[in-house]
């Protein structure tokens, strides 16, 4: 997945979720295993990330 929107101004829990997904700066990419936990994290911050 790829971080397509800035985490500035978002809730702290959403920022923590993005960091937990392995994303740091804008346009950073991360490859993770498809598990229910990861899907839940992606759904929580779906407005910030794009699944590639």
N, C-alpha and C. Protein backbone atom coordinates (compact mmCIF):
# COMPACT_ATOMS: atom_id res chain seq x y z
N UNK A 1 0.83 -1.17 0.00
CA UNK A 1 0.00 0.00 0.00
C UNK A 1 0.87 1.23 0.00
N UNK A 2 0.25 2.38 -0.24
CA UNK A 2 0.99 3.63 -0.38
C UNK A 2 0.26 4.72 0.38
N UNK A 3 0.99 5.57 1.09
CA UNK A 3 0.41 6.70 1.80
C UNK A 3 0.21 7.83 0.81
N UNK A 4 -1.04 8.20 0.53
CA UNK A 4 -1.33 9.19 -0.50
C UNK A 4 -1.80 10.53 0.07
N UNK A 5 -2.14 10.58 1.36
CA UNK A 5 -2.52 11.84 2.01
C UNK A 5 -1.70 12.00 3.28
N UNK A 6 -1.43 13.24 3.64
CA UNK A 6 -0.63 13.53 4.82
C UNK A 6 -1.39 13.16 6.09
N UNK A 7 -0.63 12.74 7.11
CA UNK A 7 -1.25 12.40 8.38
C UNK A 7 -1.36 13.63 9.28
N UNK A 8 -0.87 14.78 8.83
CA UNK A 8 -0.96 16.00 9.62
C UNK A 8 -2.44 16.36 9.82
N UNK A 9 -2.80 16.65 11.04
CA UNK A 9 -4.17 17.04 11.33
C UNK A 9 -5.13 15.89 11.53
N UNK A 10 -4.63 14.67 11.51
CA UNK A 10 -5.50 13.51 11.72
C UNK A 10 -5.45 13.09 13.19
N UNK A 11 -6.35 12.20 13.58
CA UNK A 11 -6.38 11.72 14.95
C UNK A 11 -5.09 10.95 15.28
N UNK A 12 -4.70 11.02 16.54
CA UNK A 12 -3.48 10.33 16.97
C UNK A 12 -3.58 8.83 16.73
N UNK A 13 -4.76 8.26 16.94
CA UNK A 13 -4.91 6.82 16.72
C UNK A 13 -4.74 6.46 15.25
N UNK A 14 -5.14 7.35 14.34
CA UNK A 14 -4.96 7.10 12.91
C UNK A 14 -3.49 7.23 12.54
N UNK A 15 -2.80 8.17 13.16
CA UNK A 15 -1.35 8.30 12.91
C UNK A 15 -0.62 7.05 13.37
N UNK A 16 -1.01 6.54 14.52
CA UNK A 16 -0.38 5.33 15.05
C UNK A 16 -0.65 4.14 14.14
N UNK A 17 -1.86 4.08 13.58
CA UNK A 17 -2.21 2.99 12.66
C UNK A 17 -1.36 3.05 11.41
N UNK A 18 -1.18 4.25 10.86
CA UNK A 18 -0.35 4.42 9.66
C UNK A 18 1.09 3.99 9.95
N UNK A 19 1.61 4.38 11.10
CA UNK A 19 2.97 3.96 11.47
C UNK A 19 3.03 2.45 11.64
N UNK A 20 1.97 1.87 12.19
CA UNK A 20 1.92 0.43 12.37
C UNK A 20 1.90 -0.33 11.06
N UNK A 21 1.38 0.31 10.02
CA UNK A 21 1.38 -0.29 8.69
C UNK A 21 2.74 -0.15 8.00
N UNK A 22 3.68 0.54 8.64
CA UNK A 22 5.02 0.68 8.08
C UNK A 22 5.17 1.85 7.14
N UNK A 23 4.24 2.81 7.21
CA UNK A 23 4.29 3.98 6.34
C UNK A 23 4.77 5.18 7.14
N UNK A 24 5.67 5.96 6.56
CA UNK A 24 6.21 7.11 7.29
C UNK A 24 5.89 8.42 6.57
N UNK A 25 6.58 8.67 5.47
CA UNK A 25 6.39 9.93 4.75
C UNK A 25 5.34 9.76 3.65
N UNK A 26 4.88 10.86 3.13
CA UNK A 26 3.95 10.86 2.02
C UNK A 26 4.55 10.08 0.85
N UNK A 27 3.76 9.28 0.18
CA UNK A 27 4.15 8.44 -0.96
C UNK A 27 5.04 7.27 -0.57
N UNK A 28 5.23 7.01 0.73
CA UNK A 28 5.99 5.83 1.12
C UNK A 28 5.14 4.59 0.88
N UNK A 29 5.81 3.48 0.59
CA UNK A 29 5.10 2.25 0.28
C UNK A 29 5.51 1.15 1.24
N UNK A 30 4.60 0.21 1.43
CA UNK A 30 4.84 -0.90 2.33
C UNK A 30 4.14 -2.13 1.77
N UNK A 31 4.77 -3.28 1.93
CA UNK A 31 4.18 -4.55 1.50
C UNK A 31 3.96 -5.40 2.74
N UNK A 32 2.70 -5.78 2.97
CA UNK A 32 2.34 -6.56 4.14
C UNK A 32 1.55 -7.79 3.73
N UNK A 33 1.57 -8.79 4.60
CA UNK A 33 0.79 -10.01 4.37
C UNK A 33 -0.70 -9.70 4.55
N UNK A 34 -1.53 -10.35 3.76
CA UNK A 34 -2.97 -10.12 3.80
C UNK A 34 -3.59 -10.92 4.96
N UNK A 35 -3.79 -10.23 6.09
CA UNK A 35 -4.40 -10.86 7.25
C UNK A 35 -5.60 -10.02 7.69
N UNK A 36 -6.52 -10.57 8.46
CA UNK A 36 -7.66 -9.78 8.94
C UNK A 36 -7.24 -8.55 9.73
N UNK A 37 -6.16 -8.65 10.51
CA UNK A 37 -5.69 -7.50 11.29
C UNK A 37 -5.22 -6.38 10.38
N UNK A 38 -4.46 -6.72 9.36
CA UNK A 38 -3.95 -5.71 8.43
C UNK A 38 -5.12 -5.09 7.65
N UNK A 39 -6.08 -5.90 7.25
CA UNK A 39 -7.25 -5.36 6.53
C UNK A 39 -8.02 -4.37 7.41
N UNK A 40 -8.15 -4.68 8.69
CA UNK A 40 -8.83 -3.77 9.60
C UNK A 40 -8.10 -2.46 9.74
N UNK A 41 -6.77 -2.52 9.80
CA UNK A 41 -5.97 -1.29 9.89
C UNK A 41 -6.12 -0.46 8.63
N UNK A 42 -6.14 -1.12 7.47
CA UNK A 42 -6.31 -0.40 6.20
C UNK A 42 -7.69 0.25 6.14
N UNK A 43 -8.72 -0.47 6.59
CA UNK A 43 -10.07 0.09 6.57
C UNK A 43 -10.17 1.32 7.48
N UNK A 44 -9.45 1.32 8.58
CA UNK A 44 -9.49 2.43 9.53
C UNK A 44 -8.94 3.71 8.90
N UNK A 45 -7.90 3.58 8.11
CA UNK A 45 -7.25 4.76 7.51
C UNK A 45 -7.37 4.74 5.99
N UNK A 46 -8.48 4.23 5.48
CA UNK A 46 -8.67 4.07 4.04
C UNK A 46 -8.62 5.41 3.30
N UNK A 47 -8.96 6.49 3.98
CA UNK A 47 -8.93 7.82 3.35
C UNK A 47 -7.51 8.36 3.21
N UNK A 48 -6.53 7.69 3.79
CA UNK A 48 -5.14 8.13 3.72
C UNK A 48 -4.27 7.27 2.82
N UNK A 49 -4.67 6.03 2.60
CA UNK A 49 -3.82 5.09 1.88
C UNK A 49 -4.48 4.60 0.60
N UNK A 50 -3.65 4.06 -0.27
CA UNK A 50 -4.12 3.44 -1.51
C UNK A 50 -3.49 2.05 -1.57
N UNK A 51 -4.33 1.04 -1.81
CA UNK A 51 -3.83 -0.32 -1.92
C UNK A 51 -3.41 -0.55 -3.35
N UNK A 52 -2.16 -0.96 -3.53
CA UNK A 52 -1.62 -1.15 -4.88
C UNK A 52 -1.71 -2.59 -5.32
